[in-house]
């Protein structure tokens, strides 16, 4: 019997290795397909307009034009747009995390009549397409003088990120042990101290996950800024790339350099914190 089991496992071992080899080969091909657009974009950022249209799109630049990055950063005003993107993203992410934590704590740790309706409203809000709200939001912001105001962008980012953030936090909050909070109540701890000193620190892993997800969305967002902001003073880097598109001439090298600059922060954050995203998403899925 032992010999039969051993022979069966020995027979399956080569097949398993072949299967794993085929799987890894497919994954490598998929990874290369996913990475090539970034390589192509980097090549574009180092070309002249003549090389872009006169050479194969897969050809390397004859003489790399690193000055495209200097022109984009200083002459094109990308440094200003980059700063706007940074502070819009940071403020909106912090506001979203604070409000979502308040809501999730109230939904999972407090008993009140309308909490089921409130949760349902947030879930319905998650299903509303962003583009269907542009005209109503524009009218509202126009009436309260928030057009060409960064507050309109921060409010929009926060509002549309709240439902998905609450959904992620809900699973984690439900898996947290209540014994620690109950012990704090027995010691006379107020609800505010329980939230800020006990519950909130325990949610650090999932908060970092939602922060990264929100940051990626806010950084890459285009529609809200393009709709609510027309002043060059408040534009972000995703909209500022239009500065290099003219009626008679388009600087494709500078456009490529701008896109590389806009991609780099998100790429770096994801490379270093991708494990944290997975850990945070999985943390609330298993109740112990």
Protein backbone atom coordinates (compact mmCIF):
# COMPACT_ATOMS: atom_id res chain seq x y z
CA UNK A 1 0.00 0.00 0.00
CA UNK A 2 2.82 2.39 0.89
CA UNK A 3 4.63 1.50 -2.32
CA UNK A 4 1.45 2.22 -4.32
CA UNK A 5 1.01 5.62 -2.66
CA UNK A 6 4.66 6.48 -3.22
CA UNK A 7 4.50 5.47 -6.88
CA UNK A 8 1.37 7.56 -7.41
CA UNK A 9 3.00 10.63 -5.84
CA UNK A 10 6.17 10.03 -7.88
CA UNK A 11 4.05 9.80 -11.02
CA UNK A 12 2.26 13.05 -10.26
CA UNK A 13 5.43 14.95 -9.34
CA UNK A 14 6.75 15.40 -12.93
CA UNK A 15 3.27 16.35 -14.15
CA UNK A 16 2.96 18.90 -11.38
CA UNK A 17 6.34 20.38 -12.24
CA UNK A 18 5.36 20.65 -15.90
CA UNK A 19 2.07 22.31 -14.94
CA UNK A 20 3.82 24.78 -12.66
CA UNK A 21 6.38 25.52 -15.36
CA UNK A 22 3.62 26.28 -17.88
CA UNK A 23 1.85 28.47 -15.31
CA UNK A 24 5.01 30.46 -14.55
CA UNK A 25 5.70 30.86 -18.26
CA UNK A 26 2.20 32.29 -18.81
CA UNK A 27 2.58 34.61 -15.83
CA UNK A 28 5.91 35.90 -17.16
CA UNK A 29 4.33 36.60 -20.55
CA UNK A 30 1.43 38.45 -18.88
CA UNK A 31 3.88 40.46 -16.75
CA UNK A 32 5.88 41.47 -19.81
CA UNK A 33 2.72 42.53 -21.62
CA UNK A 34 1.74 44.63 -18.60
CA UNK A 35 5.18 46.22 -18.22
CA UNK A 36 5.86 47.00 -21.87
CA UNK A 37 3.58 50.09 -22.01
CA UNK A 38 5.70 51.65 -19.25
CA UNK A 39 8.89 50.88 -21.20
CA UNK A 40 7.34 52.32 -24.38
CA UNK A 41 6.23 55.45 -22.48
CA UNK A 42 9.76 55.95 -21.17
CA UNK A 43 11.13 55.65 -24.71
CA UNK A 44 8.57 58.19 -25.93
CA UNK A 45 9.67 60.67 -23.27
CA UNK A 46 13.20 60.66 -24.73
CA UNK A 47 12.25 61.20 -28.39
CA UNK A 48 11.75 64.21 -30.61
CA UNK A 49 8.60 64.71 -32.67
CA UNK A 50 10.55 63.68 -35.78
CA UNK A 51 11.56 60.39 -34.15
CA UNK A 52 8.01 59.77 -32.92
CA UNK A 53 6.51 60.01 -36.41
CA UNK A 54 9.52 59.12 -38.58
CA UNK A 55 10.63 55.94 -36.83
CA UNK A 56 9.04 52.70 -35.74
CA UNK A 57 7.08 53.10 -32.49
CA UNK A 58 9.24 50.28 -31.07
CA UNK A 59 12.56 51.92 -32.02
CA UNK A 60 14.90 53.32 -29.40
CA UNK A 61 15.63 57.07 -29.49
CA UNK A 62 18.79 57.89 -31.46
CA UNK A 63 19.91 60.53 -28.96
CA UNK A 64 17.94 60.51 -25.69
CA UNK A 65 16.48 63.97 -25.00
CA UNK A 66 16.62 64.23 -21.21
CA UNK A 67 15.79 67.91 -21.62
CA UNK A 68 12.20 66.84 -22.26
CA UNK A 69 11.91 66.29 -18.52
CA UNK A 70 13.40 69.72 -17.77
CA UNK A 71 11.05 71.39 -20.27
CA UNK A 72 8.05 69.56 -18.82
CA UNK A 73 8.94 70.29 -15.19
CA UNK A 74 9.82 73.97 -15.50
CA UNK A 75 8.56 75.37 -18.82
CA UNK A 76 5.35 73.35 -18.80
CA UNK A 77 4.59 74.08 -15.15
CA UNK A 78 4.41 70.41 -14.20
CA UNK A 79 6.14 71.19 -10.89
CA UNK A 80 3.13 73.31 -9.89
CA UNK A 81 0.60 70.70 -11.05
CA UNK A 82 2.58 68.00 -9.26
CA UNK A 83 2.36 69.91 -5.97
CA UNK A 84 -1.40 70.37 -6.45
CA UNK A 85 -1.83 66.63 -7.02
CA UNK A 86 0.15 65.86 -3.87
CA UNK A 87 -1.80 68.08 -1.50
CA UNK A 88 -5.21 67.26 -3.03
CA UNK A 89 -4.43 63.58 -2.60
CA UNK A 90 -3.08 63.84 0.96
CA UNK A 91 -5.93 66.01 2.28
CA UNK A 92 -8.64 63.92 0.59
CA UNK A 93 -7.15 60.63 1.83
CA UNK A 94 -6.89 61.86 5.44
CA UNK A 95 -10.43 63.22 5.38
CA UNK A 96 -11.78 60.00 3.86
CA UNK A 97 -10.06 57.78 6.42
CA UNK A 98 -11.26 59.86 9.38
CA UNK A 99 -14.88 60.04 8.23
CA UNK A 100 -14.98 56.39 7.15
CA UNK A 101 -13.58 55.32 10.54
CA UNK A 102 -16.24 57.37 12.35
CA UNK A 103 -19.02 55.83 10.25
CA UNK A 104 -17.73 52.27 10.54
CA UNK A 105 -17.30 52.55 14.31
CA UNK A 106 -20.86 53.84 14.64
CA UNK A 107 -22.21 51.03 12.43
CA UNK A 108 -20.39 48.19 14.17
CA UNK A 109 -20.08 49.34 17.80
CA UNK A 110 -23.25 51.37 18.46
CA UNK A 111 -26.93 50.47 18.47
CA UNK A 112 -29.25 53.01 16.83
CA UNK A 113 -32.41 52.70 14.78
CA UNK A 114 -31.31 53.99 11.38
CA UNK A 115 -27.91 52.35 11.07
CA UNK A 116 -29.23 49.73 8.62
CA UNK A 117 -30.64 52.46 6.38
CA UNK A 118 -27.40 54.47 6.59
CA UNK A 119 -25.34 51.43 5.62
CA UNK A 120 -27.70 50.73 2.70
CA UNK A 121 -27.36 54.33 1.51
CA UNK A 122 -23.59 54.05 1.47
CA UNK A 123 -23.77 50.80 -0.47
CA UNK A 124 -26.15 52.38 -2.99
CA UNK A 125 -23.81 55.35 -3.32
CA UNK A 126 -21.03 52.93 -4.26
CA UNK A 127 -23.06 51.83 -7.31
CA UNK A 128 -23.69 55.35 -8.66
CA UNK A 129 -21.51 56.09 -11.74
CA UNK A 130 -19.24 59.09 -11.28
CA UNK A 131 -20.07 60.59 -14.67
CA UNK A 132 -23.80 60.71 -13.92
CA UNK A 133 -23.14 63.15 -11.07
CA UNK A 134 -21.01 65.68 -12.96
CA UNK A 135 -23.83 68.03 -14.03
CA UNK A 136 -25.62 68.06 -10.64
CA UNK A 137 -22.32 68.58 -8.83
CA UNK A 138 -21.31 71.35 -11.21
CA UNK A 139 -24.61 73.15 -10.59
CA UNK A 140 -24.26 72.80 -6.81
CA UNK A 141 -20.64 73.96 -6.76
CA UNK A 142 -21.49 76.84 -9.09
CA UNK A 143 -24.26 78.06 -6.76
CA UNK A 144 -22.00 78.02 -3.70
CA UNK A 145 -19.00 79.49 -5.58
CA UNK A 146 -16.80 76.37 -5.44
CA UNK A 147 -15.99 76.22 -9.16
CA UNK A 148 -12.24 76.82 -9.61
CA UNK A 149 -11.83 76.07 -5.93
CA UNK A 150 -9.76 73.13 -4.63
CA UNK A 151 -12.44 72.44 -2.01
CA UNK A 152 -14.72 71.11 -4.78
CA UNK A 153 -12.07 68.55 -5.75
CA UNK A 154 -11.37 67.46 -2.18
CA UNK A 155 -15.10 67.11 -1.42
CA UNK A 156 -15.65 65.07 -4.58
CA UNK A 157 -12.71 62.75 -3.88
CA UNK A 158 -13.82 62.22 -0.29
CA UNK A 159 -17.47 61.62 -1.16
CA UNK A 160 -16.84 59.04 -3.86
CA UNK A 161 -14.16 57.20 -1.89
CA UNK A 162 -16.21 56.89 1.32
CA UNK A 163 -18.41 53.91 0.26
CA UNK A 164 -15.55 51.61 -0.82
CA UNK A 165 -13.50 52.64 2.22
CA UNK A 166 -16.39 51.85 4.56
CA UNK A 167 -16.92 48.48 2.86
CA UNK A 168 -13.29 47.52 3.46
CA UNK A 169 -13.31 48.78 7.06
CA UNK A 170 -16.55 46.96 7.91
CA UNK A 171 -15.06 43.52 7.48
CA UNK A 172 -12.04 44.43 9.60
CA UNK A 173 -14.08 46.06 12.38
CA UNK A 174 -16.35 43.01 12.62
CA UNK A 175 -13.30 40.77 13.12
CA UNK A 176 -11.86 42.87 15.95
CA UNK A 177 -12.28 41.37 19.44
CA UNK A 178 -14.80 43.30 21.52
CA UNK A 179 -13.34 42.12 24.82
CA UNK A 180 -10.72 44.89 24.86
CA UNK A 181 -13.35 47.57 24.35
CA UNK A 182 -15.63 46.01 26.96
CA UNK A 183 -12.76 45.98 29.47
CA UNK A 184 -12.11 49.65 28.73
CA UNK A 185 -15.77 50.46 29.37
CA UNK A 186 -15.60 48.62 32.70
CA UNK A 187 -12.63 50.83 33.61
CA UNK A 188 -14.70 53.95 32.90
CA UNK A 189 -13.26 54.79 29.48
CA UNK A 190 -15.43 57.14 27.40
CA UNK A 191 -16.59 56.29 23.88
CA UNK A 192 -14.21 58.88 22.44
CA UNK A 193 -11.18 57.42 24.20
CA UNK A 194 -12.19 53.91 23.14
CA UNK A 195 -12.27 55.00 19.51
CA UNK A 196 -9.10 57.11 19.42
CA UNK A 197 -6.90 55.15 21.83
CA UNK A 198 -8.04 51.54 21.37
CA UNK A 199 -10.05 50.85 18.22
CA UNK A 200 -8.35 53.22 15.78
CA UNK A 201 -4.79 52.00 16.52
CA UNK A 202 -5.92 48.38 16.02
CA UNK A 203 -7.18 49.25 12.53
CA UNK A 204 -3.80 50.54 11.33
CA UNK A 205 -3.24 47.66 8.83
CA UNK A 206 -6.55 48.15 7.02
CA UNK A 207 -6.25 51.94 7.22
CA UNK A 208 -2.95 51.76 5.37
CA UNK A 209 -4.61 49.58 2.73
CA UNK A 210 -7.49 51.97 2.17
CA UNK A 211 -5.09 54.92 2.18
CA UNK A 212 -3.11 53.40 -0.69
CA UNK A 213 -6.25 52.56 -2.67
CA UNK A 214 -7.64 56.07 -2.20
CA UNK A 215 -4.30 57.63 -3.04
CA UNK A 216 -4.09 55.76 -6.35
CA UNK A 217 -7.62 56.84 -7.30
CA UNK A 218 -7.12 60.48 -6.29
CA UNK A 219 -3.75 60.78 -8.00
CA UNK A 220 -4.98 59.40 -11.32
CA UNK A 221 -8.36 61.18 -11.29
CA UNK A 222 -9.06 63.36 -14.33
CA UNK A 223 -12.80 63.98 -14.76
CA UNK A 224 -13.48 66.07 -11.63
CA UNK A 225 -10.49 68.35 -12.11
CA UNK A 226 -11.19 68.79 -15.81
CA UNK A 227 -14.85 69.65 -15.07
CA UNK A 228 -14.63 71.83 -11.96
CA UNK A 229 -11.24 73.51 -12.46
CA UNK A 230 -10.34 75.80 -15.36
CA UNK A 231 -7.75 77.96 -13.60
CA UNK A 232 -4.13 76.95 -14.19
CA UNK A 233 -3.46 77.67 -10.53
CA UNK A 234 -5.46 74.68 -9.28
CA UNK A 235 -5.01 72.06 -12.02
CA UNK A 236 -3.41 68.68 -11.28
CA UNK A 237 -0.77 66.82 -13.23
CA UNK A 238 -3.30 64.60 -15.03
CA UNK A 239 -4.97 67.67 -16.55
CA UNK A 240 -1.79 69.74 -16.93
CA UNK A 241 -0.51 67.40 -19.64
CA UNK A 242 -2.91 69.17 -22.01
CA UNK A 243 -0.55 72.17 -21.94
CA UNK A 244 1.71 70.39 -24.41
CA UNK A 245 -1.08 69.87 -26.93
CA UNK A 246 -1.39 72.87 -29.23
CA UNK A 247 -3.50 73.70 -32.27
CA UNK A 248 -0.58 73.40 -34.69
CA UNK A 249 2.13 71.60 -32.73
CA UNK A 250 2.18 68.95 -30.03
CA UNK A 251 5.34 68.20 -28.03
CA UNK A 252 5.08 64.44 -27.70
CA UNK A 253 8.39 64.08 -25.90
CA UNK A 254 7.27 66.48 -23.17
CA UNK A 255 3.93 64.67 -22.94
CA UNK A 256 5.77 61.39 -22.44
CA UNK A 257 8.00 62.96 -19.78
CA UNK A 258 4.95 64.35 -17.97
CA UNK A 259 3.23 60.97 -18.00
CA UNK A 260 6.36 59.26 -16.67
CA UNK A 261 6.56 61.81 -13.85
CA UNK A 262 2.88 61.25 -13.03
CA UNK A 263 3.23 57.46 -13.02
CA UNK A 264 6.38 57.23 -10.90
CA UNK A 265 4.92 58.12 -7.45
CA UNK A 266 2.11 55.59 -7.73
CA UNK A 267 4.44 52.95 -9.15
CA UNK A 268 6.93 53.42 -6.31
CA UNK A 269 4.23 53.34 -3.64
CA UNK A 270 2.67 50.19 -5.08
CA UNK A 271 6.01 48.37 -5.44
CA UNK A 272 6.92 48.97 -1.80
CA UNK A 273 3.47 48.64 -0.25
CA UNK A 274 1.70 46.03 -2.41
CA UNK A 275 2.01 43.42 0.36
CA UNK A 276 0.32 45.83 2.75
CA UNK A 277 -2.65 46.16 0.38
CA UNK A 278 -3.16 42.39 0.25
CA UNK A 279 -2.72 41.99 4.02
CA UNK A 280 -5.28 44.69 4.75
CA UNK A 281 -7.85 43.28 2.35
CA UNK A 282 -7.46 39.75 3.69
CA UNK A 283 -7.27 40.76 7.37
CA UNK A 284 -10.99 41.42 7.69
CA UNK A 285 -12.13 38.41 5.69
CA UNK A 286 -11.40 35.85 8.42
CA UNK A 287 -13.08 36.12 11.78
CA UNK A 288 -11.16 34.59 14.62
